[in-house]
Amino acid sequence: MAEQKTYRGSCLCGGIQYEIQGEIGEILQCHCQRCRKANGAAYAVNAPIRKADFKIVQGEALLKEFQSAKTTQRCFCSSCGSPIISIKTETPDFYRLRIGTLDAPLAQKPVMHIFAGSKAEWDEICDALPKYAERPEY
């Protein structure tokens, strides 16, 4: 039997600390306008994780939610503003983890750019990863 992985992460101020006991899915770099605004950067780096594998171990009261679209809720630290996860109605068993909040190295690398068709005009994608104008079906 394979050993279950445990990942730990936190927000910028350390008020929220979480643990994932399970796998982190494919890492995507999302260039959509909502992700840019939510992260204050050219793109967000996200990966799916099973809801059942995710646990807030400290600071649950600090985690606030914002309905950024009809099907998307973004969860962030109310003290420092760090984005932690997003919740999409079309994937009820998964969260989208903001990879930058992990506290340990991650061997995985991003696998693609999504919504590259609406990336910021000042951003330049400088790697050879596949680029999709929107979210690919797979």
N, C-alpha and C. Protein backbone atom coordinates (compact mmCIF):
# COMPACT_ATOMS: atom_id res chain seq x y z
N MET A 1 0.84 -1.18 0.00
CA MET A 1 0.00 0.00 0.00
C MET A 1 0.89 1.25 0.00
N ALA A 2 0.57 2.20 -0.89
CA ALA A 2 1.36 3.43 -0.99
C ALA A 2 1.10 4.33 0.21
N GLU A 3 2.15 5.00 0.64
CA GLU A 3 2.04 5.91 1.77
C GLU A 3 1.28 7.17 1.35
N GLN A 4 0.34 7.59 2.18
CA GLN A 4 -0.44 8.79 1.87
C GLN A 4 0.41 10.03 2.12
N LYS A 5 0.35 10.96 1.17
CA LYS A 5 1.13 12.20 1.30
C LYS A 5 0.37 13.20 2.14
N THR A 6 1.12 14.00 2.88
CA THR A 6 0.55 15.10 3.65
C THR A 6 1.26 16.38 3.25
N TYR A 7 0.47 17.38 2.91
CA TYR A 7 1.00 18.70 2.56
C TYR A 7 0.45 19.70 3.57
N ARG A 8 1.26 20.69 3.90
CA ARG A 8 0.82 21.75 4.80
C ARG A 8 0.99 23.10 4.11
N GLY A 9 0.12 24.02 4.48
CA GLY A 9 0.20 25.34 3.90
C GLY A 9 -0.40 26.36 4.85
N SER A 10 -0.23 27.65 4.48
CA SER A 10 -0.73 28.72 5.33
C SER A 10 -0.87 30.00 4.51
N CYS A 11 -1.52 30.96 5.11
CA CYS A 11 -1.64 32.28 4.50
C CYS A 11 -0.40 33.11 4.84
N LEU A 12 -0.32 34.32 4.33
CA LEU A 12 0.84 35.18 4.54
C LEU A 12 1.07 35.50 6.01
N CYS A 13 0.01 35.76 6.76
CA CYS A 13 0.19 36.12 8.18
C CYS A 13 0.30 34.91 9.09
N GLY A 14 0.04 33.72 8.55
CA GLY A 14 0.12 32.50 9.35
C GLY A 14 -1.12 32.23 10.18
N GLY A 15 -2.13 33.10 10.08
CA GLY A 15 -3.35 32.91 10.85
C GLY A 15 -4.13 31.69 10.42
N ILE A 16 -4.13 31.40 9.11
CA ILE A 16 -4.77 30.20 8.60
C ILE A 16 -3.70 29.18 8.28
N GLN A 17 -3.86 28.00 8.80
CA GLN A 17 -2.97 26.89 8.47
C GLN A 17 -3.84 25.72 8.07
N TYR A 18 -3.42 25.03 7.02
CA TYR A 18 -4.21 23.90 6.53
C TYR A 18 -3.33 22.70 6.27
N GLU A 19 -4.01 21.58 6.09
CA GLU A 19 -3.33 20.32 5.81
C GLU A 19 -4.10 19.60 4.71
N ILE A 20 -3.37 18.98 3.81
CA ILE A 20 -3.97 18.16 2.75
C ILE A 20 -3.40 16.76 2.94
N GLN A 21 -4.27 15.79 3.14
CA GLN A 21 -3.83 14.40 3.24
C GLN A 21 -4.34 13.68 2.01
N GLY A 22 -3.57 13.80 0.94
CA GLY A 22 -3.95 13.23 -0.34
C GLY A 22 -3.15 13.86 -1.46
N GLU A 23 -3.58 13.61 -2.66
CA GLU A 23 -2.85 14.06 -3.84
C GLU A 23 -3.24 15.48 -4.25
N ILE A 24 -2.29 16.16 -4.84
CA ILE A 24 -2.53 17.45 -5.47
C ILE A 24 -2.59 17.17 -6.97
N GLY A 25 -3.66 17.62 -7.61
CA GLY A 25 -3.87 17.35 -9.03
C GLY A 25 -2.96 18.18 -9.93
N GLU A 26 -3.26 18.16 -11.22
CA GLU A 26 -2.44 18.88 -12.21
C GLU A 26 -2.43 20.38 -11.92
N ILE A 27 -1.25 20.95 -11.95
CA ILE A 27 -1.09 22.38 -11.69
C ILE A 27 -1.32 23.15 -12.99
N LEU A 28 -2.25 24.12 -12.91
CA LEU A 28 -2.59 24.95 -14.06
C LEU A 28 -2.26 26.40 -13.76
N GLN A 29 -1.85 27.13 -14.77
CA GLN A 29 -1.65 28.57 -14.64
C GLN A 29 -2.81 29.23 -15.37
N CYS A 30 -3.67 29.92 -14.61
CA CYS A 30 -4.88 30.52 -15.18
C CYS A 30 -4.68 32.01 -15.37
N HIS A 31 -4.91 32.47 -16.59
CA HIS A 31 -4.71 33.87 -16.97
C HIS A 31 -6.01 34.66 -17.08
N CYS A 32 -7.14 34.11 -16.63
CA CYS A 32 -8.42 34.82 -16.77
C CYS A 32 -8.39 36.09 -15.90
N GLN A 33 -9.24 37.04 -16.24
CA GLN A 33 -9.25 38.32 -15.53
C GLN A 33 -9.61 38.15 -14.05
N ARG A 34 -10.53 37.25 -13.74
CA ARG A 34 -10.91 37.06 -12.33
C ARG A 34 -9.73 36.56 -11.50
N CYS A 35 -8.97 35.60 -12.05
CA CYS A 35 -7.80 35.08 -11.32
C CYS A 35 -6.74 36.17 -11.17
N ARG A 36 -6.54 36.97 -12.22
CA ARG A 36 -5.57 38.06 -12.13
C ARG A 36 -5.96 39.03 -11.01
N LYS A 37 -7.22 39.40 -10.98
CA LYS A 37 -7.68 40.34 -9.95
C LYS A 37 -7.62 39.73 -8.55
N ALA A 38 -8.01 38.47 -8.41
CA ALA A 38 -8.02 37.81 -7.11
C ALA A 38 -6.61 37.62 -6.55
N ASN A 39 -5.61 37.51 -7.43
CA ASN A 39 -4.24 37.26 -6.99
C ASN A 39 -3.33 38.46 -7.14
N GLY A 40 -3.78 39.49 -7.83
CA GLY A 40 -2.94 40.67 -8.02
C GLY A 40 -1.71 40.38 -8.84
N ALA A 41 -1.81 39.44 -9.76
CA ALA A 41 -0.66 39.00 -10.55
C ALA A 41 -1.11 38.63 -11.96
N ALA A 42 -0.17 38.29 -12.81
CA ALA A 42 -0.47 37.97 -14.21
C ALA A 42 -1.32 36.72 -14.35
N TYR A 43 -1.22 35.82 -13.39
CA TYR A 43 -2.00 34.58 -13.44
C TYR A 43 -2.03 33.94 -12.06
N ALA A 44 -2.95 33.01 -11.89
CA ALA A 44 -3.04 32.23 -10.66
C ALA A 44 -2.49 30.83 -10.94
N VAL A 45 -1.87 30.25 -9.96
CA VAL A 45 -1.34 28.89 -10.08
C VAL A 45 -2.19 28.01 -9.15
N ASN A 46 -3.00 27.15 -9.78
CA ASN A 46 -4.02 26.38 -9.07
C ASN A 46 -3.88 24.89 -9.36
N ALA A 47 -4.39 24.10 -8.43
CA ALA A 47 -4.47 22.65 -8.65
C ALA A 47 -5.67 22.12 -7.89
N PRO A 48 -6.34 21.13 -8.46
CA PRO A 48 -7.47 20.54 -7.74
C PRO A 48 -7.00 19.64 -6.61
N ILE A 49 -7.74 19.69 -5.52
CA ILE A 49 -7.53 18.78 -4.39
C ILE A 49 -8.91 18.29 -3.96
N ARG A 50 -8.98 17.10 -3.44
CA ARG A 50 -10.27 16.58 -2.95
C ARG A 50 -10.67 17.32 -1.68
N LYS A 51 -11.94 17.73 -1.64
CA LYS A 51 -12.46 18.40 -0.44
C LYS A 51 -12.23 17.54 0.80
N ALA A 52 -12.43 16.25 0.65
CA ALA A 52 -12.29 15.33 1.79
C ALA A 52 -10.85 15.28 2.32
N ASP A 53 -9.86 15.68 1.50
CA ASP A 53 -8.45 15.64 1.90
C ASP A 53 -7.98 16.93 2.56
N PHE A 54 -8.80 17.98 2.51
CA PHE A 54 -8.41 19.32 2.96
C PHE A 54 -8.98 19.62 4.34
N LYS A 55 -8.15 20.14 5.23
CA LYS A 55 -8.59 20.46 6.58
C LYS A 55 -7.90 21.73 7.06
N ILE A 56 -8.68 22.67 7.56
CA ILE A 56 -8.12 23.85 8.21
C ILE A 56 -7.74 23.42 9.63
N VAL A 57 -6.47 23.56 9.99
CA VAL A 57 -6.03 23.14 11.32
C VAL A 57 -5.89 24.31 12.28
N GLN A 58 -5.89 25.53 11.72
CA GLN A 58 -5.84 26.74 12.56
C GLN A 58 -6.45 27.90 11.78
N GLY A 59 -7.22 28.72 12.47
CA GLY A 59 -7.71 29.97 11.89
C GLY A 59 -8.94 29.85 11.01
N GLU A 60 -9.75 28.85 11.21
CA GLU A 60 -10.94 28.68 10.36
C GLU A 60 -11.82 29.92 10.36
N ALA A 61 -11.90 30.62 11.47
CA ALA A 61 -12.73 31.84 11.55
C ALA A 61 -12.20 32.95 10.65
N LEU A 62 -10.93 32.90 10.30
CA LEU A 62 -10.33 33.91 9.41
C LEU A 62 -10.65 33.68 7.94
N LEU A 63 -11.08 32.47 7.60
CA LEU A 63 -11.35 32.14 6.19
C LEU A 63 -12.69 32.76 5.78
N LYS A 64 -12.62 33.67 4.84
CA LYS A 64 -13.82 34.35 4.33
C LYS A 64 -14.04 33.96 2.89
N GLU A 65 -15.30 34.08 2.44
CA GLU A 65 -15.67 33.68 1.09
C GLU A 65 -16.20 34.87 0.32
N PHE A 66 -15.93 34.87 -0.99
CA PHE A 66 -16.44 35.88 -1.89
C PHE A 66 -16.97 35.19 -3.13
N GLN A 67 -18.21 35.46 -3.50
CA GLN A 67 -18.82 34.87 -4.69
C GLN A 67 -18.38 35.71 -5.88
N SER A 68 -17.33 35.27 -6.59
CA SER A 68 -16.76 36.07 -7.68
C SER A 68 -17.46 35.84 -9.02
N ALA A 69 -18.21 34.77 -9.12
CA ALA A 69 -19.00 34.46 -10.32
C ALA A 69 -20.14 33.57 -9.86
N LYS A 70 -21.10 33.37 -10.72
CA LYS A 70 -22.27 32.56 -10.35
C LYS A 70 -21.87 31.17 -9.86
N THR A 71 -20.80 30.61 -10.43
CA THR A 71 -20.40 29.24 -10.09
C THR A 71 -19.09 29.17 -9.30
N THR A 72 -18.55 30.31 -8.87
CA THR A 72 -17.24 30.31 -8.21
C THR A 72 -17.24 31.12 -6.92
N GLN A 73 -16.76 30.49 -5.87
CA GLN A 73 -16.56 31.13 -4.58
C GLN A 73 -15.07 31.12 -4.29
N ARG A 74 -14.52 32.26 -3.92
CA ARG A 74 -13.10 32.37 -3.60
C ARG A 74 -12.96 32.53 -2.08
N CYS A 75 -12.05 31.76 -1.50
CA CYS A 75 -11.85 31.77 -0.05
C CYS A 75 -10.46 32.31 0.25
N PHE A 76 -10.40 33.24 1.19
CA PHE A 76 -9.16 33.95 1.48
C PHE A 76 -9.07 34.29 2.96
N CYS A 77 -7.88 34.66 3.39
CA CYS A 77 -7.68 35.07 4.78
C CYS A 77 -8.19 36.50 4.95
N SER A 78 -9.08 36.69 5.92
CA SER A 78 -9.63 38.02 6.16
C SER A 78 -8.65 38.96 6.84
N SER A 79 -7.55 38.43 7.34
CA SER A 79 -6.53 39.27 7.98
C SER A 79 -5.50 39.77 6.98
N CYS A 80 -4.92 38.87 6.18
CA CYS A 80 -3.85 39.28 5.26
C CYS A 80 -4.25 39.27 3.79
N GLY A 81 -5.39 38.68 3.47
CA GLY A 81 -5.88 38.67 2.09
C GLY A 81 -5.38 37.53 1.22
N SER A 82 -4.56 36.66 1.75
CA SER A 82 -4.04 35.55 0.94
C SER A 82 -5.17 34.68 0.40
N PRO A 83 -5.20 34.43 -0.93
CA PRO A 83 -6.18 33.49 -1.46
C PRO A 83 -5.74 32.07 -1.11
N ILE A 84 -6.67 31.24 -0.64
CA ILE A 84 -6.34 29.88 -0.22
C ILE A 84 -6.91 28.86 -1.21
N ILE A 85 -8.23 28.88 -1.39
CA ILE A 85 -8.90 27.94 -2.29
C ILE A 85 -10.01 28.65 -3.03
N SER A 86 -10.49 28.00 -4.08
CA SER A 86 -11.76 28.42 -4.68
C SER A 86 -12.63 27.18 -4.79
N ILE A 87 -13.93 27.43 -4.83
CA ILE A 87 -14.92 26.37 -4.88
C ILE A 87 -15.75 26.59 -6.13
N LYS A 88 -15.83 25.57 -6.99
CA LYS A 88 -16.62 25.66 -8.22
C LYS A 88 -17.79 24.71 -8.12
N THR A 89 -18.98 25.18 -8.48
CA THR A 89 -20.17 24.34 -8.37
C THR A 89 -20.10 23.14 -9.31
N GLU A 90 -19.39 23.25 -10.43
CA GLU A 90 -19.32 22.13 -11.37
C GLU A 90 -18.38 21.01 -10.93
N THR A 91 -17.58 21.24 -9.90
CA THR A 91 -16.71 20.18 -9.35
C THR A 91 -16.94 20.10 -7.84
N PRO A 92 -18.08 19.57 -7.42
CA PRO A 92 -18.46 19.61 -6.00
C PRO A 92 -17.56 18.81 -5.05
N ASP A 93 -16.79 17.87 -5.55
CA ASP A 93 -15.93 17.08 -4.67
C ASP A 93 -14.50 17.64 -4.56
N PHE A 94 -14.24 18.76 -5.24
CA PHE A 94 -12.89 19.31 -5.29
C PHE A 94 -12.85 20.79 -4.93
N TYR A 95 -11.72 21.22 -4.38
CA TYR A 95 -11.37 22.63 -4.24
C TYR A 95 -10.27 22.90 -5.26
N ARG A 96 -10.06 24.17 -5.57
CA ARG A 96 -8.90 24.57 -6.35
C ARG A 96 -7.95 25.28 -5.38
N LEU A 97 -6.84 24.65 -5.11
CA LEU A 97 -5.84 25.16 -4.17
C LEU A 97 -4.94 26.17 -4.84
N ARG A 98 -4.66 27.27 -4.16
CA ARG A 98 -3.67 28.24 -4.62
C ARG A 98 -2.30 27.70 -4.18
N ILE A 99 -1.55 27.23 -5.15
CA ILE A 99 -0.30 26.51 -4.90
C ILE A 99 0.72 27.36 -4.12
N GLY A 100 0.70 28.66 -4.30
CA GLY A 100 1.64 29.53 -3.60
C GLY A 100 1.49 29.55 -2.10
N THR A 101 0.41 28.97 -1.57
CA THR A 101 0.22 28.94 -0.12
C THR A 101 0.81 27.70 0.54
N LEU A 102 1.35 26.78 -0.26
CA LEU A 102 2.00 25.59 0.31
C LEU A 102 3.27 26.00 1.04
N ASP A 103 3.56 25.35 2.15
CA ASP A 103 4.74 25.66 2.95
C ASP A 103 5.93 24.74 2.71
N ALA A 104 5.78 23.76 1.86
CA ALA A 104 6.86 22.82 1.58
C ALA A 104 7.07 22.74 0.07
N PRO A 105 8.25 22.35 -0.35
CA PRO A 105 8.49 22.19 -1.79
C PRO A 105 7.54 21.17 -2.40
N LEU A 106 7.21 21.39 -3.64
CA LEU A 106 6.33 20.50 -4.38
C LEU A 106 7.07 20.05 -5.62
N ALA A 107 7.18 18.76 -5.82
CA ALA A 107 7.93 18.24 -6.97
C ALA A 107 7.20 18.47 -8.29
N GLN A 108 5.87 18.55 -8.24
CA GLN A 108 5.09 18.76 -9.46
C GLN A 108 5.39 20.12 -10.08
N LYS A 109 5.19 20.20 -11.36
CA LYS A 109 5.35 21.45 -12.11
C LYS A 109 4.05 21.75 -12.83
N PRO A 110 3.81 22.99 -13.19
CA PRO A 110 2.62 23.31 -13.98
C PRO A 110 2.62 22.53 -15.29
N VAL A 111 1.40 22.21 -15.77
CA VAL A 111 1.29 21.43 -17.00
C VAL A 111 0.72 22.22 -18.17
N MET A 112 0.08 23.37 -17.89
CA MET A 112 -0.50 24.15 -19.00
C MET A 112 -0.89 25.54 -18.52
N HIS A 113 -1.14 26.41 -19.52
CA HIS A 113 -1.71 27.73 -19.30
C HIS A 113 -3.14 27.69 -19.81
N ILE A 114 -4.08 28.16 -18.99
CA ILE A 114 -5.47 28.23 -19.46
C ILE A 114 -5.92 29.69 -19.49
N PHE A 115 -6.91 29.96 -20.30
CA PHE A 115 -7.40 31.31 -20.55
C PHE A 115 -6.29 32.24 -21.01
N ALA A 116 -5.33 31.68 -21.74
CA ALA A 116 -4.23 32.47 -22.29
C ALA A 116 -4.75 33.47 -23.32
N GLY A 117 -5.92 33.20 -23.88
CA GLY A 117 -6.52 34.12 -24.85
C GLY A 117 -6.95 35.43 -24.21
N SER A 118 -7.08 35.47 -22.90
CA SER A 118 -7.47 36.71 -22.22
C SER A 118 -6.40 37.16 -21.22
N LYS A 119 -5.16 36.74 -21.45
CA LYS A 119 -4.07 37.14 -20.54
C LYS A 119 -3.87 38.65 -20.60
N ALA A 120 -3.22 39.18 -19.59
CA ALA A 120 -2.93 40.61 -19.55
C ALA A 120 -2.03 40.98 -20.73
N GLU A 121 -2.30 42.13 -21.32
CA GLU A 121 -1.52 42.56 -22.49
C GLU A 121 -0.05 42.79 -22.15
N TRP A 122 0.27 43.03 -20.91
CA TRP A 122 1.65 43.27 -20.50
C TRP A 122 2.39 41.99 -20.11
N ASP A 123 1.68 40.87 -20.08
CA ASP A 123 2.28 39.60 -19.70
C ASP A 123 2.77 38.86 -20.94
N GLU A 124 3.89 38.18 -20.79
CA GLU A 124 4.43 37.36 -21.86
C GLU A 124 4.67 35.95 -21.31
N ILE A 125 4.09 34.96 -21.95
CA ILE A 125 4.28 33.58 -21.54
C ILE A 125 5.58 33.09 -22.19
N CYS A 126 6.54 32.73 -21.37
CA CYS A 126 7.89 32.43 -21.87
C CYS A 126 8.31 30.98 -21.66
N ASP A 127 7.37 30.07 -21.64
CA ASP A 127 7.74 28.67 -21.51
C ASP A 127 7.07 27.87 -22.63
N ALA A 128 7.37 26.60 -22.68
CA ALA A 128 6.87 25.75 -23.77
C ALA A 128 5.63 24.95 -23.37
N LEU A 129 5.02 25.26 -22.23
CA LEU A 129 3.82 24.54 -21.82
C LEU A 129 2.68 24.80 -22.81
N PRO A 130 1.78 23.86 -22.95
CA PRO A 130 0.62 24.09 -23.83
C PRO A 130 -0.18 25.31 -23.35
N LYS A 131 -0.69 26.06 -24.31
CA LYS A 131 -1.48 27.26 -24.03
C LYS A 131 -2.86 27.09 -24.64
N TYR A 132 -3.88 27.33 -23.85
CA TYR A 132 -5.26 27.20 -24.30
C TYR A 132 -5.96 28.55 -24.15
N ALA A 133 -6.70 28.95 -25.18
CA ALA A 133 -7.41 30.22 -25.15
C ALA A 133 -8.42 30.25 -24.01
N GLU A 134 -9.03 29.10 -23.71
CA GLU A 134 -9.97 28.99 -22.59
C GLU A 134 -9.59 27.75 -21.79
N ARG A 135 -10.56 27.17 -21.11
CA ARG A 135 -10.30 25.94 -20.35
C ARG A 135 -10.52 24.74 -21.29
N PRO A 136 -9.54 23.89 -21.46
CA PRO A 136 -9.72 22.74 -22.35
C PRO A 136 -10.64 21.67 -21.73
N GLU A 137 -11.31 20.95 -22.57
CA GLU A 137 -12.13 19.82 -22.11
C GLU A 137 -11.21 18.61 -22.02
N TYR A 138 -11.24 17.92 -20.91
CA TYR A 138 -10.48 16.68 -20.79
C TYR A 138 -11.03 15.77 -19.76
